[in-house]
Every structure is written in structure tokens, then in C-alpha cells.
Amino acid sequence: MIDDPIVEEIGRFCKEYAAKYGNNLQRIVEALREKERLSDRVRLNPGPEAVGGNKGRAAVILGGKNGCSKLNNNIY
């Protein structure tokens, strides 16, 4: 595998961000939703909701081999 400083930086950020919330996916999602709520940016239509709600969507986005796959997924 080729060493890529950008991928390494993103992996480092992901680990630090997850650790900030105790590697708890529910806390991370809540923090992101609060940040979005407080933002003055225009929120575009995110599209149709997944069947059964958003369960699992954040886990897919945050999953990976750079440390974020160790998140606590006890949100179900």
C-alpha cells in the first residue's frame, strides 16, 4: 500500500474526533446534528430517508480502516 499523507491526516482526524466523544457513535451523531442545527448555512434537501430511518448510515460513513471502525455502535 502506498503511504498517502492526506489519507493519514484524515485517519488521524477521524480517530481524534471519535475519541473526543468516547468512540460512541450516538454521541458523535448528536454532536454533528447540533452543529448542523446551530449553523447559519442553508441546509439542502438530503433526499429520501432510508427505510427504517437513519440507523446504520453514520456507521457506514465513519467506518474504515483508519481507526473509525472501532466506534461503539450501541445506538440501536
C-alpha atoms as a PDB file:
ATOM      1  CA  MET A   1       0.000   0.000   0.000  1.00  0.00           C
ATOM      2  CA  ILE A   2       1.250   3.479  -0.851  1.00  0.00           C
ATOM      3  CA  ASP A   3       1.693   5.905   2.041  1.00  0.00           C
ATOM      4  CA  ASP A   4      -0.519   8.911   1.438  1.00  0.00           C
ATOM      5  CA  PRO A   5      -0.143  11.871   3.835  1.00  0.00           C
ATOM      6  CA  ILE A   6      -3.677  13.086   3.103  1.00  0.00           C
ATOM      7  CA  VAL A   7      -5.212   9.703   3.947  1.00  0.00           C
ATOM      8  CA  GLU A   8      -3.065   9.530   7.089  1.00  0.00           C
ATOM      9  CA  GLU A   9      -4.210  13.037   8.131  1.00  0.00           C
ATOM     10  CA  ILE A  10      -7.862  12.124   7.625  1.00  0.00           C
ATOM     11  CA  GLY A  11      -7.361   8.915   9.612  1.00  0.00           C
ATOM     12  CA  ARG A  12      -5.721  10.885  12.433  1.00  0.00           C
ATOM     13  CA  PHE A  13      -8.572  13.411  12.460  1.00  0.00           C
ATOM     14  CA  CYS A  14     -11.146  10.616  12.482  1.00  0.00           C
ATOM     15  CA  LYS A  15      -9.502   8.906  15.476  1.00  0.00           C
ATOM     16  CA  GLU A  16      -9.226  12.191  17.394  1.00  0.00           C
ATOM     17  CA  TYR A  17     -12.821  13.178  16.645  1.00  0.00           C
ATOM     18  CA  ALA A  18     -14.146   9.764  17.687  1.00  0.00           C
ATOM     19  CA  ALA A  19     -12.067   9.829  20.876  1.00  0.00           C
ATOM     20  CA  LYS A  20     -13.483  13.271  21.723  1.00  0.00           C
ATOM     21  CA  TYR A  21     -16.896  11.581  22.039  1.00  0.00           C
ATOM     22  CA  GLY A  22     -15.668   8.396  23.709  1.00  0.00           C
ATOM     23  CA  ASN A  23     -15.830   6.449  20.421  1.00  0.00           C
ATOM     24  CA  ASN A  24     -19.605   6.457  20.882  1.00  0.00           C
ATOM     25  CA  LEU A  25     -21.392   6.749  17.551  1.00  0.00           C
ATOM     26  CA  GLN A  26     -24.605   8.070  19.092  1.00  0.00           C
ATOM     27  CA  ARG A  27     -22.731  10.936  20.790  1.00  0.00           C
ATOM     28  CA  ILE A  28     -20.879  11.756  17.553  1.00  0.00           C
ATOM     29  CA  VAL A  29     -24.118  11.886  15.547  1.00  0.00           C
ATOM     30  CA  GLU A  30     -25.816  14.019  18.221  1.00  0.00           C
ATOM     31  CA  ALA A  31     -22.888  16.469  18.178  1.00  0.00           C
ATOM     32  CA  LEU A  32     -22.972  16.700  14.378  1.00  0.00           C
ATOM     33  CA  ARG A  33     -26.730  17.268  14.378  1.00  0.00           C
ATOM     34  CA  GLU A  34     -26.364  20.018  16.985  1.00  0.00           C
ATOM     35  CA  LYS A  35     -23.595  21.641  14.940  1.00  0.00           C
ATOM     36  CA  GLU A  36     -25.828  21.495  11.870  1.00  0.00           C
ATOM     37  CA  ARG A  37     -28.783  22.948  13.824  1.00  0.00           C
ATOM     38  CA  LEU A  38     -26.690  25.889  15.059  1.00  0.00           C
ATOM     39  CA  SER A  39     -25.177  26.571  11.642  1.00  0.00           C
ATOM     40  CA  ASP A  40     -26.413  29.522   9.621  1.00  0.00           C
ATOM     41  CA  ARG A  41     -25.767  27.644   6.390  1.00  0.00           C
ATOM     42  CA  VAL A  42     -28.686  26.735   4.174  1.00  0.00           C
ATOM     43  CA  ARG A  43     -29.474  23.048   4.519  1.00  0.00           C
ATOM     44  CA  LEU A  44     -30.271  21.422   1.206  1.00  0.00           C
ATOM     45  CA  ASN A  45     -32.749  18.590   0.866  1.00  0.00           C
ATOM     46  CA  PRO A  46     -30.790  15.481   1.891  1.00  0.00           C
ATOM     47  CA  GLY A  47     -33.062  13.238  -0.163  1.00  0.00           C
ATOM     48  CA  PRO A  48     -35.425  10.480   0.916  1.00  0.00           C
ATOM     49  CA  GLU A  49     -34.934   8.827   4.293  1.00  0.00           C
ATOM     50  CA  ALA A  50     -33.556   5.315   4.363  1.00  0.00           C
ATOM     51  CA  VAL A  51     -36.060   2.584   5.100  1.00  0.00           C
ATOM     52  CA  GLY A  52     -36.207   2.269   8.877  1.00  0.00           C
ATOM     53  CA  GLY A  53     -34.687   5.697   9.498  1.00  0.00           C
ATOM     54  CA  ASN A  54     -31.020   6.631   9.623  1.00  0.00           C
ATOM     55  CA  LYS A  55     -29.796   3.649  11.623  1.00  0.00           C
ATOM     56  CA  GLY A  56     -26.541   2.426  10.194  1.00  0.00           C
ATOM     57  CA  ARG A  57     -25.943   5.330   7.802  1.00  0.00           C
ATOM     58  CA  ALA A  58     -23.386   7.056  10.065  1.00  0.00           C
ATOM     59  CA  ALA A  59     -21.622   3.766  10.732  1.00  0.00           C
ATOM     60  CA  VAL A  60     -21.066   3.338   7.000  1.00  0.00           C
ATOM     61  CA  ILE A  61     -19.796   6.896   6.598  1.00  0.00           C
ATOM     62  CA  LEU A  62     -17.460   6.691   9.599  1.00  0.00           C
ATOM     63  CA  GLY A  63     -16.339   3.102   9.118  1.00  0.00           C
ATOM     64  CA  GLY A  64     -12.981   2.286   7.680  1.00  0.00           C
ATOM     65  CA  LYS A  65      -9.540   1.018   8.459  1.00  0.00           C
ATOM     66  CA  ASN A  66      -8.169   4.321   9.752  1.00  0.00           C
ATOM     67  CA  GLY A  67      -9.455   3.876  13.283  1.00  0.00           C
ATOM     68  CA  CYS A  68     -13.089   4.881  12.936  1.00  0.00           C
ATOM     69  CA  SER A  69     -14.237   1.297  12.625  1.00  0.00           C
ATOM     70  CA  LYS A  70     -13.670   0.952  16.383  1.00  0.00           C
ATOM     71  CA  LEU A  71     -16.677   3.154  17.165  1.00  0.00           C
ATOM     72  CA  ASN A  72     -19.204   1.955  19.701  1.00  0.00           C
ATOM     73  CA  ASN A  73     -22.338   1.260  17.654  1.00  0.00           C
ATOM     74  CA  ASN A  74     -24.689   0.812  20.620  1.00  0.00           C
ATOM     75  CA  ILE A  75     -27.344   3.123  19.195  1.00  0.00           C
ATOM     76  CA  TYR A  76     -29.896   0.501  18.192  1.00  0.00           C
END
